[in-house]
Amino acid sequence: MLAETFNLLSTVPFWVAVLRIATPLIFGTLGVLLCERAGVLNLGIEGIMVAGAFTGWLTVYQGGGLWAGVAVAALTGALIGILHGWLTVSLALSQHVTGLGITLFAASLASYAYRVSFPKVDSPPTIQPFAEMSALPIPVLSAQTPLTLLALLLVPAIGYVLYRTPLGLAVRTVGENPAAAEGQGLSVTRLRIGAIMAGSALMGVAGAFLTLAAFNAFYFNMVNGRGWVCVALVVFASWRPGKALLGALLFGVFDALQLRLQQSGAGLFGVSVPYQVYLMLPYILSIVALVVMARRAAYPQALMKPYRKGER
């Protein structure tokens, strides 16, 4: 019934699930946002998340600490970001094609490394993941891991850097008018590659969340399109960190809702529907929200436009 559907929205476990689902999207969306604010589209996010998920998990499995796993995942993302930046910024290759190539390369490399590391394993080995922050007084947050708190803290931190510091102004300038940035003595290449590295590091951490917090093992296809959702959420957010958080939470609401409706059998607003409709629900609603918001989005003017020093 309709009342049962709305009752799902008023429970603490529901909002715990929303925040857990949204966490990798927050990391990934902030990563994409940093890249695009500097004028570079990074479609390599899906592969970078897979690589970060694997390297972070493998680090912990081999005896490293959980935070060491997060650091290795971030480093993995940053290194792949250097490759992406070299191809798209230094060589001015197609950002679309390069991003898709990076996704295929990184995901395939992670898959190969897993097969080589565990050639005779029938089920994925497990680790001890991050524990919940049960000491916190807020019920929704106390059921989360420290990575979720980190993701939430990064939103105002990145917003402050982008809009309140000279570095943020420089990054936004190379995304809007790289010629003007060059005229001020700034290196467009260094700023763009630096932004790509930072953004890709966050994408790697987004993947690591899945293996070090949400689950306790590495599975193939565990990223499951979350990277593409992050790319869409940046448009929804109009390239602003605060709205990016809102978009990630909104998708989390849609996804958690469809899971609860399937489990409860309550039906969608009182109507019994096939389970495939529930699976489509978060993506359909996200597309609708994206279409509505995208009409008012002011994208960086130099986004996807290669720049060579001295050109006007």
C-alpha atoms as a PDB file:
ATOM      1  CA  MET A   1       0.000   0.000   0.000  1.00  0.00           C
ATOM      2  CA  LEU A   2       0.965   3.637  -0.366  1.00  0.00           C
ATOM      3  CA  ALA A   3       1.305   4.041   3.411  1.00  0.00           C
ATOM      4  CA  GLU A   4       3.721   1.105   3.595  1.00  0.00           C
ATOM      5  CA  THR A   5       5.871   2.665   0.867  1.00  0.00           C
ATOM      6  CA  PHE A   6       6.165   5.949   2.759  1.00  0.00           C
ATOM      7  CA  ASN A   7       6.771   4.147   6.045  1.00  0.00           C
ATOM      8  CA  LEU A   8       9.962   2.782   4.519  1.00  0.00           C
ATOM      9  CA  LEU A   9      11.249   6.339   4.196  1.00  0.00           C
ATOM     10  CA  SER A  10      10.872   7.043   7.925  1.00  0.00           C
ATOM     11  CA  THR A  11      13.078   4.259   9.294  1.00  0.00           C
ATOM     12  CA  VAL A  12      16.686   4.607  10.417  1.00  0.00           C
ATOM     13  CA  PRO A  13      17.819   1.409   8.603  1.00  0.00           C
ATOM     14  CA  PHE A  14      16.552   2.891   5.354  1.00  0.00           C
ATOM     15  CA  TRP A  15      18.686   6.017   5.715  1.00  0.00           C
ATOM     16  CA  VAL A  16      21.648   3.929   6.829  1.00  0.00           C
ATOM     17  CA  ALA A  17      21.328   2.049   3.536  1.00  0.00           C
ATOM     18  CA  VAL A  18      20.956   5.322   1.605  1.00  0.00           C
ATOM     19  CA  LEU A  19      24.203   6.714   2.990  1.00  0.00           C
ATOM     20  CA  ARG A  20      26.046   3.433   2.439  1.00  0.00           C
ATOM     21  CA  ILE A  21      24.899   3.271  -1.194  1.00  0.00           C
ATOM     22  CA  ALA A  22      25.745   6.949  -1.729  1.00  0.00           C
ATOM     23  CA  THR A  23      29.283   6.815  -0.304  1.00  0.00           C
ATOM     24  CA  PRO A  24      31.143   5.446  -3.374  1.00  0.00           C
ATOM     25  CA  LEU A  25      29.077   7.786  -5.529  1.00  0.00           C
ATOM     26  CA  ILE A  26      30.184  10.771  -3.427  1.00  0.00           C
ATOM     27  CA  PHE A  27      33.850   9.869  -3.865  1.00  0.00           C
ATOM     28  CA  GLY A  28      33.436   9.167  -7.573  1.00  0.00           C
ATOM     29  CA  THR A  29      31.335  12.224  -8.315  1.00  0.00           C
ATOM     30  CA  LEU A  30      33.806  14.520  -6.556  1.00  0.00           C
ATOM     31  CA  GLY A  31      36.570  12.910  -8.600  1.00  0.00           C
ATOM     32  CA  VAL A  32      34.777  13.489 -11.888  1.00  0.00           C
ATOM     33  CA  LEU A  33      33.921  17.023 -10.790  1.00  0.00           C
ATOM     34  CA  LEU A  34      37.587  17.889 -10.191  1.00  0.00           C
ATOM     35  CA  CYS A  35      38.585  16.596 -13.620  1.00  0.00           C
ATOM     36  CA  GLU A  36      35.789  18.393 -15.438  1.00  0.00           C
ATOM     37  CA  ARG A  37      36.291  21.636 -13.535  1.00  0.00           C
ATOM     38  CA  ALA A  38      39.776  21.615 -15.080  1.00  0.00           C
ATOM     39  CA  GLY A  39      38.283  20.999 -18.523  1.00  0.00           C
ATOM     40  CA  VAL A  40      38.878  17.254 -18.907  1.00  0.00           C
ATOM     41  CA  LEU A  41      36.198  14.571 -19.224  1.00  0.00           C
ATOM     42  CA  ASN A  42      37.322  11.386 -17.453  1.00  0.00           C
ATOM     43  CA  LEU A  43      35.331   8.403 -18.699  1.00  0.00           C
ATOM     44  CA  GLY A  44      37.985   6.137 -17.245  1.00  0.00           C
ATOM     45  CA  ILE A  45      36.214   6.245 -13.882  1.00  0.00           C
ATOM     46  CA  GLU A  46      34.618   2.813 -14.188  1.00  0.00           C
ATOM     47  CA  GLY A  47      37.972   1.125 -14.776  1.00  0.00           C
ATOM     48  CA  ILE A  48      39.728   3.249 -12.155  1.00  0.00           C
ATOM     49  CA  MET A  49      37.149   2.210  -9.569  1.00  0.00           C
ATOM     50  CA  VAL A  50      37.709  -1.451 -10.433  1.00  0.00           C
ATOM     51  CA  ALA A  51      41.490  -1.035 -10.168  1.00  0.00           C
ATOM     52  CA  GLY A  52      41.174   0.832  -6.858  1.00  0.00           C
ATOM     53  CA  ALA A  53      38.836  -1.821  -5.479  1.00  0.00           C
ATOM     54  CA  PHE A  54      41.311  -4.576  -6.350  1.00  0.00           C
ATOM     55  CA  THR A  55      44.569  -2.942  -5.264  1.00  0.00           C
ATOM     56  CA  GLY A  56      43.089  -1.661  -2.008  1.00  0.00           C
ATOM     57  CA  TRP A  57      41.673  -5.074  -1.157  1.00  0.00           C
ATOM     58  CA  LEU A  58      44.860  -6.912  -2.179  1.00  0.00           C
ATOM     59  CA  THR A  59      46.950  -4.629   0.036  1.00  0.00           C
ATOM     60  CA  VAL A  60      44.858  -5.526   3.073  1.00  0.00           C
ATOM     61  CA  TYR A  61      44.752  -9.208   2.110  1.00  0.00           C
ATOM     62  CA  GLN A  62      48.551  -9.240   1.959  1.00  0.00           C
ATOM     63  CA  GLY A  63      48.778  -7.915   5.509  1.00  0.00           C
ATOM     64  CA  GLY A  64      48.565  -4.150   5.101  1.00  0.00           C
ATOM     65  CA  GLY A  65      46.274  -1.992   7.214  1.00  0.00           C
ATOM     66  CA  LEU A  66      42.871  -0.825   6.030  1.00  0.00           C
ATOM     67  CA  TRP A  67      44.013   2.771   5.659  1.00  0.00           C
ATOM     68  CA  ALA A  68      47.062   1.519   3.779  1.00  0.00           C
ATOM     69  CA  GLY A  69      44.634  -0.165   1.397  1.00  0.00           C
ATOM     70  CA  VAL A  70      42.804   3.143   0.927  1.00  0.00           C
ATOM     71  CA  ALA A  71      46.123   4.907   0.262  1.00  0.00           C
ATOM     72  CA  VAL A  72      47.177   2.290  -2.299  1.00  0.00           C
ATOM     73  CA  ALA A  73      43.797   2.556  -4.036  1.00  0.00           C
ATOM     74  CA  ALA A  74      44.205   6.348  -4.208  1.00  0.00           C
ATOM     75  CA  LEU A  75      47.746   5.967  -5.544  1.00  0.00           C
ATOM     76  CA  THR A  76      46.498   3.503  -8.156  1.00  0.00           C
ATOM     77  CA  GLY A  77      43.891   5.993  -9.285  1.00  0.00           C
ATOM     78  CA  ALA A  78      46.434   8.817  -9.395  1.00  0.00           C
ATOM     79  CA  LEU A  79      48.845   6.766 -11.514  1.00  0.00           C
ATOM     80  CA  ILE A  80      46.116   5.914 -13.987  1.00  0.00           C
ATOM     81  CA  GLY A  81      45.193   9.591 -13.912  1.00  0.00           C
ATOM     82  CA  ILE A  82      48.722  10.461 -15.044  1.00  0.00           C
ATOM     83  CA  LEU A  83      48.242   8.177 -18.042  1.00  0.00           C
ATOM     84  CA  HIS A  84      44.878   9.722 -18.828  1.00  0.00           C
ATOM     85  CA  GLY A  85      46.306  13.231 -18.453  1.00  0.00           C
ATOM     86  CA  TRP A  86      49.287  12.488 -20.687  1.00  0.00           C
ATOM     87  CA  LEU A  87      47.017  11.179 -23.435  1.00  0.00           C
ATOM     88  CA  THR A  88      44.310  13.843 -23.237  1.00  0.00           C
ATOM     89  CA  VAL A  89      46.257  16.939 -22.123  1.00  0.00           C
ATOM     90  CA  SER A  90      49.804  16.497 -23.377  1.00  0.00           C
ATOM     91  CA  LEU A  91      48.929  14.634 -26.590  1.00  0.00           C
ATOM     92  CA  ALA A  92      45.467  16.246 -26.965  1.00  0.00           C
ATOM     93  CA  LEU A  93      43.807  12.932 -27.904  1.00  0.00           C
ATOM     94  CA  SER A  94      40.034  12.455 -27.824  1.00  0.00           C
ATOM     95  CA  GLN A  95      38.852  12.534 -24.221  1.00  0.00           C
ATOM     96  CA  HIS A  96      35.911  10.235 -24.996  1.00  0.00           C
ATOM     97  CA  VAL A  97      37.998   7.559 -26.686  1.00  0.00           C
ATOM     98  CA  THR A  98      40.835   7.812 -24.167  1.00  0.00           C
ATOM     99  CA  GLY A  99      38.464   7.529 -21.213  1.00  0.00           C
ATOM    100  CA  LEU A 100      36.783   4.428 -22.589  1.00  0.00           C
ATOM    101  CA  GLY A 101      40.208   2.959 -23.354  1.00  0.00           C
ATOM    102  CA  ILE A 102      41.355   3.659 -19.787  1.00  0.00           C
ATOM    103  CA  THR A 103      38.251   1.906 -18.452  1.00  0.00           C
ATOM    104  CA  LEU A 104      38.902  -1.191 -20.541  1.00  0.00           C
ATOM    105  CA  PHE A 105      42.613  -1.170 -19.722  1.00  0.00           C
ATOM    106  CA  ALA A 106      42.271  -0.684 -15.958  1.00  0.00           C
ATOM    107  CA  ALA A 107      39.425  -3.169 -15.537  1.00  0.00           C
ATOM    108  CA  SER A 108      41.174  -5.800 -17.648  1.00  0.00           C
ATOM    109  CA  LEU A 109      44.462  -5.278 -15.817  1.00  0.00           C
ATOM    110  CA  ALA A 110      42.731  -5.733 -12.441  1.00  0.00           C
ATOM    111  CA  SER A 111      41.028  -8.879 -13.715  1.00  0.00           C
ATOM    112  CA  TYR A 112      44.308 -10.289 -15.011  1.00  0.00           C
ATOM    113  CA  ALA A 113      46.122  -9.463 -11.777  1.00  0.00           C
ATOM    114  CA  TYR A 114      43.402 -11.215  -9.776  1.00  0.00           C
ATOM    115  CA  ARG A 115      43.627 -14.329 -11.932  1.00  0.00           C
ATOM    116  CA  VAL A 116      47.387 -14.406 -11.594  1.00  0.00           C
ATOM    117  CA  SER A 117      47.294 -13.802  -7.822  1.00  0.00           C
ATOM    118  CA  PHE A 118      44.582 -16.399  -7.185  1.00  0.00           C
ATOM    119  CA  PRO A 119      44.736 -18.990  -9.962  1.00  0.00           C
ATOM    120  CA  LYS A 120      43.093 -21.848  -8.056  1.00  0.00           C
ATOM    121  CA  VAL A 121      40.513 -20.085  -5.902  1.00  0.00           C
ATOM    122  CA  ASP A 122      36.860 -21.033  -6.333  1.00  0.00           C
ATOM    123  CA  SER A 123      35.423 -18.301  -4.098  1.00  0.00           C
ATOM    124  CA  PRO A 124      36.954 -14.836  -3.482  1.00  0.00           C
ATOM    125  CA  PRO A 125      39.182 -14.635  -0.375  1.00  0.00           C
ATOM    126  CA  THR A 126      37.884 -12.299   2.314  1.00  0.00           C
ATOM    127  CA  ILE A 127      39.376  -9.666   4.617  1.00  0.00           C
ATOM    128  CA  GLN A 128      38.264  -7.916   7.796  1.00  0.00           C
ATOM    129  CA  PRO A 129      36.665  -4.675   6.530  1.00  0.00           C
ATOM    130  CA  PHE A 130      36.266  -1.316   8.258  1.00  0.00           C
ATOM    131  CA  ALA A 131      34.118  -1.488  11.383  1.00  0.00           C
ATOM    132  CA  GLU A 132      31.132   0.734  12.028  1.00  0.00           C
ATOM    133  CA  MET A 133      31.591   3.953  14.024  1.00  0.00           C
ATOM    134  CA  SER A 134      29.293   2.795  16.813  1.00  0.00           C
ATOM    135  CA  ALA A 135      30.607   5.433  19.252  1.00  0.00           C
ATOM    136  CA  LEU A 136      29.032   8.297  17.313  1.00  0.00           C
ATOM    137  CA  PRO A 137      25.776   9.645  18.817  1.00  0.00           C
ATOM    138  CA  ILE A 138      23.992  10.037  15.459  1.00  0.00           C
ATOM    139  CA  PRO A 139      22.222   6.728  14.612  1.00  0.00           C
ATOM    140  CA  VAL A 140      22.590   6.986  10.833  1.00  0.00           C
ATOM    141  CA  LEU A 141      26.306   7.813  11.052  1.00  0.00           C
ATOM    142  CA  SER A 142      27.063   5.330  13.846  1.00  0.00           C
ATOM    143  CA  ALA A 143      26.144   2.493  11.478  1.00  0.00           C
ATOM    144  CA  GLN A 144      28.624   3.731   8.841  1.00  0.00           C
ATOM    145  CA  THR A 145      32.358   3.198   8.415  1.00  0.00           C
ATOM    146  CA  PRO A 146      35.053   5.924   8.610  1.00  0.00           C
ATOM    147  CA  LEU A 147      35.188   6.072   4.803  1.00  0.00           C
ATOM    148  CA  THR A 148      31.640   7.415   4.737  1.00  0.00           C
ATOM    149  CA  LEU A 149      32.589  10.153   7.190  1.00  0.00           C
ATOM    150  CA  LEU A 150      35.619  10.942   5.025  1.00  0.00           C
ATOM    151  CA  ALA A 151      33.403  11.236   1.943  1.00  0.00           C
ATOM    152  CA  LEU A 152      31.058  13.652   3.734  1.00  0.00           C
ATOM    153  CA  LEU A 153      33.953  15.787   4.989  1.00  0.00           C
ATOM    154  CA  LEU A 154      35.485  15.966   1.511  1.00  0.00           C
ATOM    155  CA  VAL A 155      32.414  17.745   0.124  1.00  0.00           C
ATOM    156  CA  PRO A 156      32.922  21.039   2.037  1.00  0.00           C
ATOM    157  CA  ALA A 157      36.699  20.654   1.823  1.00  0.00           C
ATOM    158  CA  ILE A 158      36.706  20.455  -1.968  1.00  0.00           C
ATOM    159  CA  GLY A 159      34.110  23.210  -2.164  1.00  0.00           C
ATOM    160  CA  TYR A 160      36.366  25.428  -0.049  1.00  0.00           C
ATOM    161  CA  VAL A 161      39.423  24.686  -2.179  1.00  0.00           C
ATOM    162  CA  LEU A 162      37.595  25.328  -5.454  1.00  0.00           C
ATOM    163  CA  TYR A 163      35.874  28.552  -4.434  1.00  0.00           C
ATOM    164  CA  ARG A 164      38.000  30.047  -1.645  1.00  0.00           C
ATOM    165  CA  THR A 165      41.637  29.419  -2.605  1.00  0.00           C
ATOM    166  CA  PRO A 166      43.969  30.572  -5.404  1.00  0.00           C
ATOM    167  CA  LEU A 167      44.514  26.938  -6.403  1.00  0.00           C
ATOM    168  CA  GLY A 168      40.792  26.428  -6.858  1.00  0.00           C
ATOM    169  CA  LEU A 169      40.531  29.601  -8.898  1.00  0.00           C
ATOM    170  CA  ALA A 170      43.389  28.406 -11.108  1.00  0.00           C
ATOM    171  CA  VAL A 171      41.724  25.015 -11.657  1.00  0.00           C
ATOM    172  CA  ARG A 172      38.412  26.632 -12.557  1.00  0.00           C
ATOM    173  CA  THR A 173      40.165  29.092 -14.866  1.00  0.00           C
ATOM    174  CA  VAL A 174      41.860  26.383 -16.943  1.00  0.00           C
ATOM    175  CA  GLY A 175      38.434  24.753 -17.250  1.00  0.00           C
ATOM    176  CA  GLU A 176      36.776  27.944 -18.384  1.00  0.00           C
ATOM    177  CA  ASN A 177      39.456  29.898 -20.271  1.00  0.00           C
ATOM    178  CA  PRO A 178      42.862  28.199 -20.472  1.00  0.00           C
ATOM    179  CA  ALA A 179      44.272  31.022 -22.617  1.00  0.00           C
ATOM    180  CA  ALA A 180      43.562  33.486 -19.808  1.00  0.00           C
ATOM    181  CA  ALA A 181      45.209  31.136 -17.322  1.00  0.00           C
ATOM    182  CA  GLU A 182      48.291  30.943 -19.522  1.00  0.00           C
ATOM    183  CA  GLY A 183      48.315  34.719 -19.774  1.00  0.00           C
ATOM    184  CA  GLN A 184      48.572  34.860 -15.989  1.00  0.00           C
ATOM    185  CA  GLY A 185      51.657  32.645 -16.075  1.00  0.00           C
ATOM    186  CA  LEU A 186      49.855  29.447 -15.053  1.00  0.00           C
ATOM    187  CA  SER A 187      50.697  26.083 -16.576  1.00  0.00           C
ATOM    188  CA  VAL A 188      47.518  24.701 -18.105  1.00  0.00           C
ATOM    189  CA  THR A 189      49.103  21.287 -18.601  1.00  0.00           C
ATOM    190  CA  ARG A 190      50.260  20.952 -15.002  1.00  0.00           C
ATOM    191  CA  LEU A 191      46.991  22.164 -13.538  1.00  0.00           C
ATOM    192  CA  ARG A 192      44.889  19.889 -15.692  1.00  0.00           C
ATOM    193  CA  ILE A 193      47.024  16.817 -15.091  1.00  0.00           C
ATOM    194  CA  GLY A 194      47.137  17.625 -11.380  1.00  0.00           C
ATOM    195  CA  ALA A 195      43.335  17.865 -11.255  1.00  0.00           C
ATOM    196  CA  ILE A 196      43.015  14.589 -13.169  1.00  0.00           C
ATOM    197  CA  MET A 197      45.385  12.881 -10.730  1.00  0.00           C
ATOM    198  CA  ALA A 198      43.468  14.181  -7.694  1.00  0.00           C
ATOM    199  CA  GLY A 199      40.114  13.273  -9.217  1.00  0.00           C
ATOM    200  CA  SER A 200      41.315   9.823 -10.258  1.00  0.00           C
ATOM    201  CA  ALA A 201      42.672   9.227  -6.741  1.00  0.00           C
ATOM    202  CA  LEU A 202      39.164   9.833  -5.380  1.00  0.00           C
ATOM    203  CA  MET A 203      37.786   7.421  -7.967  1.00  0.00           C
ATOM    204  CA  GLY A 204      40.229   4.794  -6.728  1.00  0.00           C
ATOM    205  CA  VAL A 205      39.026   5.365  -3.151  1.00  0.00           C
ATOM    206  CA  ALA A 206      35.435   5.019  -4.385  1.00  0.00           C
ATOM    207  CA  GLY A 207      36.315   1.545  -5.619  1.00  0.00           C
ATOM    208  CA  ALA A 208      38.187   0.725  -2.420  1.00  0.00           C
ATOM    209  CA  PHE A 209      35.064   1.506  -0.396  1.00  0.00           C
ATOM    210  CA  LEU A 210      33.335  -1.421  -2.061  1.00  0.00           C
ATOM    211  CA  THR A 211      35.995  -3.961  -1.049  1.00  0.00           C
ATOM    212  CA  LEU A 212      37.102  -2.471   2.278  1.00  0.00           C
ATOM    213  CA  ALA A 213      33.780  -1.306   3.735  1.00  0.00           C
ATOM    214  CA  ALA A 214      30.665  -2.322   1.788  1.00  0.00           C
ATOM    215  CA  PHE A 215      31.958  -5.871   1.186  1.00  0.00           C
ATOM    216  CA  ASN A 216      34.959  -7.866   2.355  1.00  0.00           C
ATOM    217  CA  ALA A 217      36.152  -9.349  -0.942  1.00  0.00           C
ATOM    218  CA  PHE A 218      36.843  -8.447  -4.550  1.00  0.00           C
ATOM    219  CA  TYR A 219      34.258  -9.545  -7.094  1.00  0.00           C
ATOM    220  CA  PHE A 220      34.232  -9.079 -10.834  1.00  0.00           C
ATOM    221  CA  ASN A 221      31.639  -6.549 -11.992  1.00  0.00           C
ATOM    222  CA  MET A 222      31.203  -5.263  -8.430  1.00  0.00           C
ATOM    223  CA  VAL A 223      31.439  -1.643  -9.583  1.00  0.00           C
ATOM    224  CA  ASN A 224      28.385  -2.373 -11.728  1.00  0.00           C
ATOM    225  CA  GLY A 225      28.040   0.937 -13.566  1.00  0.00           C
ATOM    226  CA  ARG A 226      28.528   3.216 -10.570  1.00  0.00           C
ATOM    227  CA  GLY A 227      31.190   5.128 -12.485  1.00  0.00           C
ATOM    228  CA  TRP A 228      28.757   6.082 -15.242  1.00  0.00           C
ATOM    229  CA  VAL A 229      26.250   7.192 -12.603  1.00  0.00           C
ATOM    230  CA  CYS A 230      28.922   9.509 -11.170  1.00  0.00           C
ATOM    231  CA  VAL A 231      29.480  11.104 -14.586  1.00  0.00           C
ATOM    232  CA  ALA A 232      25.746  11.818 -14.821  1.00  0.00           C
ATOM    233  CA  LEU A 233      25.574  13.131 -11.257  1.00  0.00           C
ATOM    234  CA  VAL A 234      28.180  15.791 -12.019  1.00  0.00           C
ATOM    235  CA  VAL A 235      25.860  17.244 -14.661  1.00  0.00           C
ATOM    236  CA  PHE A 236      22.960  16.982 -12.209  1.00  0.00           C
ATOM    237  CA  ALA A 237      25.075  18.868  -9.658  1.00  0.00           C
ATOM    238  CA  SER A 238      25.994  21.636 -12.117  1.00  0.00           C
ATOM    239  CA  TRP A 239      29.655  20.966 -11.232  1.00  0.00           C
ATOM    240  CA  ARG A 240      29.184  22.005  -7.591  1.00  0.00           C
ATOM    241  CA  PRO A 241      30.291  19.774  -4.669  1.00  0.00           C
ATOM    242  CA  GLY A 242      27.246  20.473  -2.494  1.00  0.00           C
ATOM    243  CA  LYS A 243      24.823  19.517  -5.224  1.00  0.00           C
ATOM    244  CA  ALA A 244      26.988  16.489  -6.001  1.00  0.00           C
ATOM    245  CA  LEU A 245      26.341  15.266  -2.454  1.00  0.00           C
ATOM    246  CA  LEU A 246      22.626  15.867  -2.931  1.00  0.00           C
ATOM    247  CA  GLY A 247      22.626  13.935  -6.201  1.00  0.00           C
ATOM    248  CA  ALA A 248      24.473  10.976  -4.686  1.00  0.00           C
ATOM    249  CA  LEU A 249      22.030  10.867  -1.767  1.00  0.00           C
ATOM    250  CA  LEU A 250      19.077  11.113  -4.138  1.00  0.00           C
ATOM    251  CA  PHE A 251      20.321   8.133  -6.126  1.00  0.00           C
ATOM    252  CA  GLY A 252      20.882   6.313  -2.830  1.00  0.00           C
ATOM    253  CA  VAL A 253      17.257   6.972  -1.887  1.00  0.00           C
ATOM    254  CA  PHE A 254      16.024   5.555  -5.191  1.00  0.00           C
ATOM    255  CA  ASP A 255      18.245   2.479  -4.930  1.00  0.00           C
ATOM    256  CA  ALA A 256      17.484   1.788  -1.268  1.00  0.00           C
ATOM    257  CA  LEU A 257      13.775   2.255  -1.960  1.00  0.00           C
ATOM    258  CA  GLN A 258      13.708  -0.331  -4.730  1.00  0.00           C
ATOM    259  CA  LEU A 259      15.562  -2.821  -2.496  1.00  0.00           C
ATOM    260  CA  ARG A 260      13.136  -2.300   0.387  1.00  0.00           C
ATOM    261  CA  LEU A 261      10.098  -2.546  -1.875  1.00  0.00           C
ATOM    262  CA  GLN A 262      11.342  -5.850  -3.261  1.00  0.00           C
ATOM    263  CA  GLN A 263      12.011  -7.230   0.210  1.00  0.00           C
ATOM    264  CA  SER A 264       8.729  -6.077   1.720  1.00  0.00           C
ATOM    265  CA  GLY A 265       6.552  -6.976  -1.257  1.00  0.00           C
ATOM    266  CA  ALA A 266       4.614  -3.780  -0.605  1.00  0.00           C
ATOM    267  CA  GLY A 267       4.399  -2.920  -4.271  1.00  0.00           C
ATOM    268  CA  LEU A 268       5.252   0.368  -5.907  1.00  0.00           C
ATOM    269  CA  PHE A 269       2.815   2.899  -4.409  1.00  0.00           C
ATOM    270  CA  GLY A 270       0.334   0.122  -3.799  1.00  0.00           C
ATOM    271  CA  VAL A 271       0.680  -1.563  -7.208  1.00  0.00           C
ATOM    272  CA  SER A 272       2.273  -4.993  -7.637  1.00  0.00           C
ATOM    273  CA  VAL A 273       4.898  -4.860 -10.398  1.00  0.00           C
ATOM    274  CA  PRO A 274       7.639  -7.199 -11.732  1.00  0.00           C
ATOM    275  CA  TYR A 275      10.982  -7.029  -9.921  1.00  0.00           C
ATOM    276  CA  GLN A 276      12.676  -5.694 -13.084  1.00  0.00           C
ATOM    277  CA  VAL A 277      10.790  -2.436 -12.593  1.00  0.00           C
ATOM    278  CA  TYR A 278      12.342  -2.078  -9.152  1.00  0.00           C
ATOM    279  CA  LEU A 279      15.800  -2.589 -10.648  1.00  0.00           C
ATOM    280  CA  MET A 280      15.129   0.134 -13.222  1.00  0.00           C
ATOM    281  CA  LEU A 281      13.605   2.549 -10.699  1.00  0.00           C
ATOM    282  CA  PRO A 282      16.770   4.346  -9.450  1.00  0.00           C
ATOM    283  CA  TYR A 283      18.061   4.803 -13.005  1.00  0.00           C
ATOM    284  CA  ILE A 284      14.720   6.003 -14.403  1.00  0.00           C
ATOM    285  CA  LEU A 285      14.241   8.525 -11.608  1.00  0.00           C
ATOM    286  CA  SER A 286      17.869   9.641 -11.907  1.00  0.00           C
ATOM    287  CA  ILE A 287      17.460  10.223 -15.640  1.00  0.00           C
ATOM    288  CA  VAL A 288      14.337  12.305 -14.997  1.00  0.00           C
ATOM    289  CA  ALA A 289      16.153  14.365 -12.359  1.00  0.00           C
ATOM    290  CA  LEU A 290      19.161  14.734 -14.677  1.00  0.00           C
ATOM    291  CA  VAL A 291      17.023  15.986 -17.554  1.00  0.00           C
ATOM    292  CA  VAL A 292      15.356  18.556 -15.324  1.00  0.00           C
ATOM    293  CA  MET A 293      18.599  19.832 -13.810  1.00  0.00           C
ATOM    294  CA  ALA A 294      20.741  19.662 -16.960  1.00  0.00           C
ATOM    295  CA  ARG A 295      18.705  22.397 -18.639  1.00  0.00           C
ATOM    296  CA  ARG A 296      19.995  24.882 -16.081  1.00  0.00           C
ATOM    297  CA  ALA A 297      23.524  23.490 -15.828  1.00  0.00           C
ATOM    298  CA  ALA A 298      26.383  25.838 -16.660  1.00  0.00           C
ATOM    299  CA  TYR A 299      29.190  23.572 -17.778  1.00  0.00           C
ATOM    300  CA  PRO A 300      32.876  24.623 -17.852  1.00  0.00           C
ATOM    301  CA  GLN A 301      33.378  26.383 -21.178  1.00  0.00           C
ATOM    302  CA  ALA A 302      36.655  24.609 -22.021  1.00  0.00           C
ATOM    303  CA  LEU A 303      35.385  21.135 -21.106  1.00  0.00           C
ATOM    304  CA  MET A 304      36.604  18.519 -23.638  1.00  0.00           C
ATOM    305  CA  LYS A 305      38.541  21.173 -25.568  1.00  0.00           C
ATOM    306  CA  PRO A 306      42.261  20.352 -25.978  1.00  0.00           C
ATOM    307  CA  TYR A 307      44.640  23.246 -25.420  1.00  0.00           C
ATOM    308  CA  ARG A 308      48.159  23.793 -26.718  1.00  0.00           C
ATOM    309  CA  LYS A 309      50.409  26.462 -25.292  1.00  0.00           C
ATOM    310  CA  GLY A 310      50.450  29.622 -27.366  1.00  0.00           C
ATOM    311  CA  GLU A 311      47.204  28.836 -29.233  1.00  0.00           C
ATOM    312  CA  ARG A 312      44.299  31.227 -29.104  1.00  0.00           C
END
